[in-house]
Amino acid sequence: MTVLEAFRLVAPEFQQVPDETIEKWITLAEPLVSKKQFGSLYAQGVALMTAHKMKMAGGSGTGESMPVNGGGISSYTEGGTSVSFNTSQQTNIVADAEYGLSNYGTQFLSLRRSCIIPILSSAMAG
């Protein structure tokens, strides 16, 4: 399966976006996903990263801005107009905090966790 095919499956909200635009986003996302780490799941990883980056850049691909996971309103004050947004992250790693802001990003993190091979030292193994 190609990255574009995987993208079309995991991100149906971008169905109106032309393939050539998605291919450009894929080119931007590919360096962010390790072929070695993801192995046979590389296309899915790049597809999720691409969808995450597109979502963070401006919405659903239909011209409408869509809220992302971390952007929900957590409080609202009418007098003086004060709005607070939920910024809770779904990861403890600061470098990965951005991925907690979209459904695609959290799926990417989940997929990446499933690809991690623990390193055992010879002292622990023996």
N, C-alpha and C. Protein backbone atom coordinates (compact mmCIF):
# COMPACT_ATOMS: atom_id res chain seq x y z
N MET A 1 0.84 -1.17 0.00
CA MET A 1 0.00 0.00 0.00
C MET A 1 0.89 1.24 0.00
N THR A 2 0.54 2.20 -0.83
CA THR A 2 1.30 3.45 -0.87
C THR A 2 0.89 4.34 0.29
N VAL A 3 1.70 5.35 0.55
CA VAL A 3 1.37 6.31 1.60
C VAL A 3 0.08 7.04 1.24
N LEU A 4 -0.09 7.42 -0.01
CA LEU A 4 -1.31 8.12 -0.43
C LEU A 4 -2.54 7.23 -0.21
N GLU A 5 -2.46 5.95 -0.54
CA GLU A 5 -3.58 5.03 -0.31
C GLU A 5 -3.90 4.92 1.19
N ALA A 6 -2.85 4.80 2.01
CA ALA A 6 -3.05 4.73 3.46
C ALA A 6 -3.67 6.03 3.98
N PHE A 7 -3.19 7.15 3.45
CA PHE A 7 -3.73 8.45 3.85
C PHE A 7 -5.22 8.53 3.55
N ARG A 8 -5.61 8.12 2.37
CA ARG A 8 -7.03 8.17 1.97
C ARG A 8 -7.90 7.30 2.90
N LEU A 9 -7.32 6.23 3.43
CA LEU A 9 -8.07 5.37 4.36
C LEU A 9 -8.17 5.96 5.76
N VAL A 10 -7.07 6.52 6.26
CA VAL A 10 -7.06 6.99 7.65
C VAL A 10 -7.59 8.41 7.81
N ALA A 11 -7.66 9.17 6.73
CA ALA A 11 -8.06 10.58 6.83
C ALA A 11 -9.14 10.93 5.82
N PRO A 12 -10.33 10.33 5.93
CA PRO A 12 -11.39 10.60 4.96
C PRO A 12 -11.87 12.05 4.96
N GLU A 13 -11.59 12.80 6.02
CA GLU A 13 -12.03 14.20 6.05
C GLU A 13 -11.33 15.04 4.98
N PHE A 14 -10.21 14.54 4.44
CA PHE A 14 -9.47 15.27 3.42
C PHE A 14 -9.78 14.78 2.01
N GLN A 15 -10.91 14.14 1.82
CA GLN A 15 -11.26 13.56 0.53
C GLN A 15 -11.35 14.60 -0.59
N GLN A 16 -11.65 15.85 -0.26
CA GLN A 16 -11.77 16.90 -1.26
C GLN A 16 -10.42 17.50 -1.66
N VAL A 17 -9.36 17.15 -0.94
CA VAL A 17 -8.03 17.68 -1.22
C VAL A 17 -7.42 16.88 -2.38
N PRO A 18 -6.94 17.56 -3.41
CA PRO A 18 -6.35 16.86 -4.56
C PRO A 18 -5.10 16.04 -4.17
N ASP A 19 -4.89 14.94 -4.89
CA ASP A 19 -3.74 14.07 -4.64
C ASP A 19 -2.43 14.84 -4.67
N GLU A 20 -2.27 15.76 -5.61
CA GLU A 20 -0.99 16.48 -5.73
C GLU A 20 -0.70 17.32 -4.48
N THR A 21 -1.72 17.86 -3.86
CA THR A 21 -1.52 18.61 -2.61
C THR A 21 -1.12 17.67 -1.49
N ILE A 22 -1.79 16.53 -1.41
CA ILE A 22 -1.46 15.56 -0.36
C ILE A 22 -0.05 15.03 -0.56
N GLU A 23 0.35 14.78 -1.81
CA GLU A 23 1.70 14.30 -2.09
C GLU A 23 2.75 15.30 -1.59
N LYS A 24 2.47 16.59 -1.71
CA LYS A 24 3.41 17.61 -1.20
C LYS A 24 3.50 17.52 0.32
N TRP A 25 2.37 17.33 1.00
CA TRP A 25 2.37 17.17 2.44
C TRP A 25 3.09 15.89 2.85
N ILE A 26 2.91 14.83 2.08
CA ILE A 26 3.62 13.57 2.34
C ILE A 26 5.12 13.79 2.28
N THR A 27 5.57 14.55 1.29
CA THR A 27 7.00 14.85 1.15
C THR A 27 7.52 15.57 2.38
N LEU A 28 6.72 16.45 2.96
CA LEU A 28 7.12 17.15 4.18
C LEU A 28 7.12 16.25 5.41
N ALA A 29 6.22 15.27 5.43
CA ALA A 29 6.09 14.40 6.60
C ALA A 29 7.08 13.24 6.60
N GLU A 30 7.50 12.77 5.44
CA GLU A 30 8.37 11.57 5.37
C GLU A 30 9.63 11.65 6.23
N PRO A 31 10.34 12.78 6.26
CA PRO A 31 11.56 12.82 7.09
C PRO A 31 11.28 12.72 8.59
N LEU A 32 10.03 12.87 8.99
CA LEU A 32 9.68 12.83 10.41
C LEU A 32 9.35 11.43 10.89
N VAL A 33 9.33 10.46 9.97
CA VAL A 33 8.96 9.08 10.31
C VAL A 33 10.11 8.16 9.91
N SER A 34 10.57 7.36 10.84
CA SER A 34 11.71 6.47 10.60
C SER A 34 11.29 5.18 9.89
N LYS A 35 11.87 4.95 8.70
CA LYS A 35 11.60 3.70 7.98
C LYS A 35 12.08 2.50 8.80
N LYS A 36 13.22 2.67 9.45
CA LYS A 36 13.79 1.59 10.25
C LYS A 36 12.90 1.25 11.44
N GLN A 37 12.41 2.26 12.14
CA GLN A 37 11.58 2.03 13.32
C GLN A 37 10.20 1.49 12.95
N PHE A 38 9.58 2.02 11.90
CA PHE A 38 8.22 1.64 11.57
C PHE A 38 8.13 0.39 10.69
N GLY A 39 9.20 0.07 9.99
CA GLY A 39 9.22 -1.14 9.18
C GLY A 39 8.03 -1.24 8.24
N SER A 40 7.28 -2.34 8.33
CA SER A 40 6.16 -2.57 7.43
C SER A 40 4.99 -1.61 7.68
N LEU A 41 5.03 -0.87 8.78
CA LEU A 41 3.99 0.11 9.11
C LEU A 41 4.37 1.53 8.71
N TYR A 42 5.45 1.65 7.93
CA TYR A 42 5.95 2.97 7.54
C TYR A 42 4.90 3.79 6.79
N ALA A 43 4.23 3.21 5.81
CA ALA A 43 3.23 3.95 5.03
C ALA A 43 2.12 4.48 5.93
N GLN A 44 1.69 3.67 6.89
CA GLN A 44 0.65 4.09 7.81
C GLN A 44 1.17 5.22 8.71
N GLY A 45 2.39 5.10 9.16
CA GLY A 45 2.98 6.14 10.00
C GLY A 45 3.09 7.47 9.28
N VAL A 46 3.55 7.44 8.04
CA VAL A 46 3.66 8.67 7.25
C VAL A 46 2.27 9.23 6.96
N ALA A 47 1.31 8.35 6.68
CA ALA A 47 -0.06 8.81 6.42
C ALA A 47 -0.63 9.53 7.64
N LEU A 48 -0.43 8.97 8.82
CA LEU A 48 -0.92 9.61 10.04
C LEU A 48 -0.20 10.91 10.32
N MET A 49 1.12 10.93 10.11
CA MET A 49 1.88 12.16 10.31
C MET A 49 1.42 13.24 9.34
N THR A 50 1.17 12.85 8.09
CA THR A 50 0.70 13.80 7.08
C THR A 50 -0.65 14.37 7.47
N ALA A 51 -1.57 13.50 7.88
CA ALA A 51 -2.91 13.96 8.28
C ALA A 51 -2.81 14.88 9.49
N HIS A 52 -1.93 14.55 10.44
CA HIS A 52 -1.74 15.40 11.61
C HIS A 52 -1.25 16.78 11.20
N LYS A 53 -0.24 16.82 10.35
CA LYS A 53 0.32 18.10 9.92
C LYS A 53 -0.71 18.92 9.15
N MET A 54 -1.49 18.26 8.31
CA MET A 54 -2.53 18.97 7.56
C MET A 54 -3.61 19.50 8.51
N LYS A 55 -3.98 18.72 9.49
CA LYS A 55 -4.99 19.13 10.46
C LYS A 55 -4.50 20.35 11.24
N MET A 56 -3.24 20.29 11.68
CA MET A 56 -2.68 21.40 12.44
C MET A 56 -2.53 22.66 11.60
N ALA A 57 -2.39 22.50 10.30
CA ALA A 57 -2.20 23.64 9.41
C ALA A 57 -3.50 24.35 9.06
N GLY A 58 -4.63 23.73 9.38
CA GLY A 58 -5.80 24.51 9.08
C GLY A 58 -7.12 23.82 8.88
N GLY A 59 -7.29 22.63 9.32
CA GLY A 59 -8.64 22.13 9.29
C GLY A 59 -8.89 20.85 8.56
N SER A 60 -10.07 20.79 7.98
CA SER A 60 -10.60 19.53 7.48
C SER A 60 -10.36 19.29 6.01
N GLY A 61 -9.79 20.24 5.31
CA GLY A 61 -9.61 20.07 3.88
C GLY A 61 -10.84 20.49 3.10
N THR A 62 -11.88 20.87 3.79
CA THR A 62 -13.10 21.30 3.12
C THR A 62 -13.24 22.81 3.18
N GLY A 63 -12.22 23.48 3.70
CA GLY A 63 -12.28 24.92 3.84
C GLY A 63 -12.80 25.34 5.20
N GLU A 64 -13.30 24.39 5.98
CA GLU A 64 -13.79 24.70 7.32
C GLU A 64 -12.69 24.40 8.32
N SER A 65 -12.55 25.28 9.29
CA SER A 65 -11.59 25.03 10.35
C SER A 65 -12.22 24.09 11.36
N MET A 66 -11.51 23.02 11.68
CA MET A 66 -12.02 22.03 12.61
C MET A 66 -11.23 22.10 13.91
N PRO A 67 -11.89 21.97 15.06
CA PRO A 67 -11.13 21.96 16.31
C PRO A 67 -10.31 20.68 16.41
N VAL A 68 -9.15 20.79 16.99
CA VAL A 68 -8.30 19.63 17.21
C VAL A 68 -8.49 19.16 18.64
N ASN A 69 -7.99 17.96 18.98
CA ASN A 69 -8.23 17.36 20.29
C ASN A 69 -7.95 18.30 21.47
N GLY A 70 -6.81 18.96 21.45
CA GLY A 70 -6.44 19.77 22.60
C GLY A 70 -7.04 21.15 22.61
N GLY A 71 -7.87 21.49 21.63
CA GLY A 71 -8.33 22.86 21.51
C GLY A 71 -9.73 23.11 21.99
N GLY A 72 -10.33 22.19 22.72
CA GLY A 72 -11.69 22.39 23.19
C GLY A 72 -11.78 23.50 24.21
N ILE A 73 -12.90 24.20 24.24
CA ILE A 73 -13.10 25.27 25.20
C ILE A 73 -13.34 24.64 26.58
N SER A 74 -12.54 25.06 27.56
CA SER A 74 -12.70 24.52 28.91
C SER A 74 -13.42 25.48 29.84
N SER A 75 -13.44 26.78 29.50
CA SER A 75 -14.21 27.74 30.28
C SER A 75 -14.57 28.93 29.42
N TYR A 76 -15.63 29.62 29.81
CA TYR A 76 -16.13 30.75 29.04
C TYR A 76 -16.70 31.76 30.01
N THR A 77 -16.34 33.02 29.84
CA THR A 77 -16.90 34.10 30.66
C THR A 77 -17.50 35.12 29.72
N GLU A 78 -18.74 35.49 29.95
CA GLU A 78 -19.40 36.42 29.02
C GLU A 78 -19.04 37.87 29.30
N GLY A 79 -19.13 38.31 30.53
CA GLY A 79 -18.80 39.70 30.87
C GLY A 79 -17.32 39.96 30.74
N GLY A 80 -16.92 40.70 29.75
CA GLY A 80 -15.50 40.95 29.50
C GLY A 80 -14.90 39.95 28.53
N THR A 81 -15.67 38.99 28.12
CA THR A 81 -15.32 37.98 27.14
C THR A 81 -13.98 37.31 27.41
N SER A 82 -13.98 36.29 28.19
CA SER A 82 -12.80 35.50 28.49
C SER A 82 -13.06 34.05 28.09
N VAL A 83 -12.26 33.51 27.22
CA VAL A 83 -12.39 32.13 26.77
C VAL A 83 -11.09 31.40 27.07
N SER A 84 -11.17 30.23 27.68
CA SER A 84 -9.99 29.40 27.95
C SER A 84 -10.10 28.11 27.16
N PHE A 85 -8.99 27.66 26.65
CA PHE A 85 -8.96 26.43 25.86
C PHE A 85 -8.27 25.32 26.62
N ASN A 86 -8.78 24.11 26.45
CA ASN A 86 -8.18 22.94 27.05
C ASN A 86 -6.89 22.64 26.31
N THR A 87 -5.77 22.66 27.02
CA THR A 87 -4.49 22.39 26.38
C THR A 87 -3.82 21.15 26.95
N SER A 88 -4.59 20.27 27.58
CA SER A 88 -4.00 19.07 28.16
C SER A 88 -3.39 18.21 27.07
N GLN A 89 -2.23 17.69 27.35
CA GLN A 89 -1.52 16.85 26.39
C GLN A 89 -1.75 15.39 26.72
N GLN A 90 -1.72 14.56 25.69
CA GLN A 90 -1.91 13.13 25.89
C GLN A 90 -0.59 12.38 25.87
N THR A 91 0.47 13.07 26.14
CA THR A 91 1.78 12.46 26.18
C THR A 91 2.62 13.16 27.25
N ASN A 92 3.56 12.44 27.82
CA ASN A 92 4.43 13.03 28.83
C ASN A 92 5.72 13.54 28.23
N ILE A 93 6.01 13.22 27.01
CA ILE A 93 7.25 13.63 26.36
C ILE A 93 7.03 14.99 25.73
N VAL A 94 7.79 15.99 26.17
CA VAL A 94 7.61 17.36 25.69
C VAL A 94 7.74 17.43 24.18
N ALA A 95 8.69 16.72 23.60
CA ALA A 95 8.90 16.76 22.16
C ALA A 95 7.70 16.22 21.39
N ASP A 96 6.90 15.37 22.02
CA ASP A 96 5.74 14.77 21.38
C ASP A 96 4.43 15.50 21.71
N ALA A 97 4.51 16.58 22.45
CA ALA A 97 3.30 17.27 22.92
C ALA A 97 2.41 17.70 21.77
N GLU A 98 2.97 18.12 20.66
CA GLU A 98 2.18 18.56 19.51
C GLU A 98 1.27 17.45 19.00
N TYR A 99 1.72 16.21 19.07
CA TYR A 99 0.93 15.10 18.54
C TYR A 99 -0.36 14.86 19.33
N GLY A 100 -0.38 15.30 20.57
CA GLY A 100 -1.57 15.17 21.38
C GLY A 100 -2.67 16.15 20.98
N LEU A 101 -2.39 17.03 20.04
CA LEU A 101 -3.35 18.05 19.64
C LEU A 101 -4.28 17.62 18.50
N SER A 102 -4.05 16.44 17.94
CA SER A 102 -4.99 15.95 16.91
C SER A 102 -5.18 14.45 17.08
N ASN A 103 -6.30 13.98 16.61
CA ASN A 103 -6.59 12.55 16.64
C ASN A 103 -5.53 11.78 15.85
N TYR A 104 -5.11 12.33 14.72
CA TYR A 104 -4.09 11.67 13.90
C TYR A 104 -2.76 11.60 14.63
N GLY A 105 -2.42 12.65 15.36
CA GLY A 105 -1.18 12.66 16.13
C GLY A 105 -1.18 11.62 17.23
N THR A 106 -2.30 11.48 17.92
CA THR A 106 -2.36 10.46 18.98
C THR A 106 -2.33 9.06 18.38
N GLN A 107 -2.94 8.87 17.21
CA GLN A 107 -2.85 7.57 16.54
C GLN A 107 -1.41 7.29 16.11
N PHE A 108 -0.71 8.33 15.64
CA PHE A 108 0.69 8.18 15.27
C PHE A 108 1.52 7.74 16.46
N LEU A 109 1.32 8.39 17.62
CA LEU A 109 2.07 8.01 18.82
C LEU A 109 1.78 6.57 19.22
N SER A 110 0.54 6.17 19.13
CA SER A 110 0.16 4.80 19.47
C SER A 110 0.84 3.80 18.53
N LEU A 111 0.83 4.11 17.25
CA LEU A 111 1.49 3.24 16.27
C LEU A 111 2.99 3.19 16.54
N ARG A 112 3.59 4.34 16.81
CA ARG A 112 5.03 4.39 17.09
C ARG A 112 5.38 3.57 18.32
N ARG A 113 4.54 3.65 19.37
CA ARG A 113 4.79 2.85 20.58
C ARG A 113 4.76 1.36 20.27
N SER A 114 3.90 0.96 19.35
CA SER A 114 3.82 -0.47 19.02
C SER A 114 5.02 -0.94 18.21
N CYS A 115 5.79 0.00 17.67
CA CYS A 115 6.96 -0.35 16.85
C CYS A 115 8.27 -0.32 17.63
N ILE A 116 8.24 0.15 18.86
CA ILE A 116 9.47 0.29 19.64
C ILE A 116 9.94 -1.08 20.12
N ILE A 117 11.21 -1.36 19.87
CA ILE A 117 11.82 -2.60 20.32
C ILE A 117 12.70 -2.25 21.52
N PRO A 118 12.40 -2.83 22.70
CA PRO A 118 13.19 -2.49 23.87
C PRO A 118 14.63 -2.98 23.73
N ILE A 119 15.55 -2.20 24.26
CA ILE A 119 16.96 -2.55 24.24
C ILE A 119 17.32 -3.17 25.58
N LEU A 120 17.83 -4.36 25.56
CA LEU A 120 18.24 -5.05 26.77
C LEU A 120 19.76 -5.10 26.83
N SER A 121 20.31 -4.71 27.96
CA SER A 121 21.75 -4.79 28.11
C SER A 121 22.11 -6.23 28.50
N SER A 122 23.34 -6.63 28.26
CA SER A 122 23.77 -7.98 28.57
C SER A 122 23.71 -8.24 30.07
N ALA A 123 23.85 -7.22 30.88
CA ALA A 123 23.78 -7.40 32.34
C ALA A 123 22.35 -7.74 32.76
N MET A 124 21.36 -7.17 32.09
CA MET A 124 19.97 -7.43 32.43
C MET A 124 19.53 -8.78 31.88
N ALA A 125 20.05 -9.16 30.75
CA ALA A 125 19.61 -10.38 30.10
C ALA A 125 20.18 -11.62 30.78
N GLY A 126 21.30 -11.51 31.44
CA GLY A 126 21.99 -12.66 31.98
C GLY A 126 21.56 -13.01 33.33
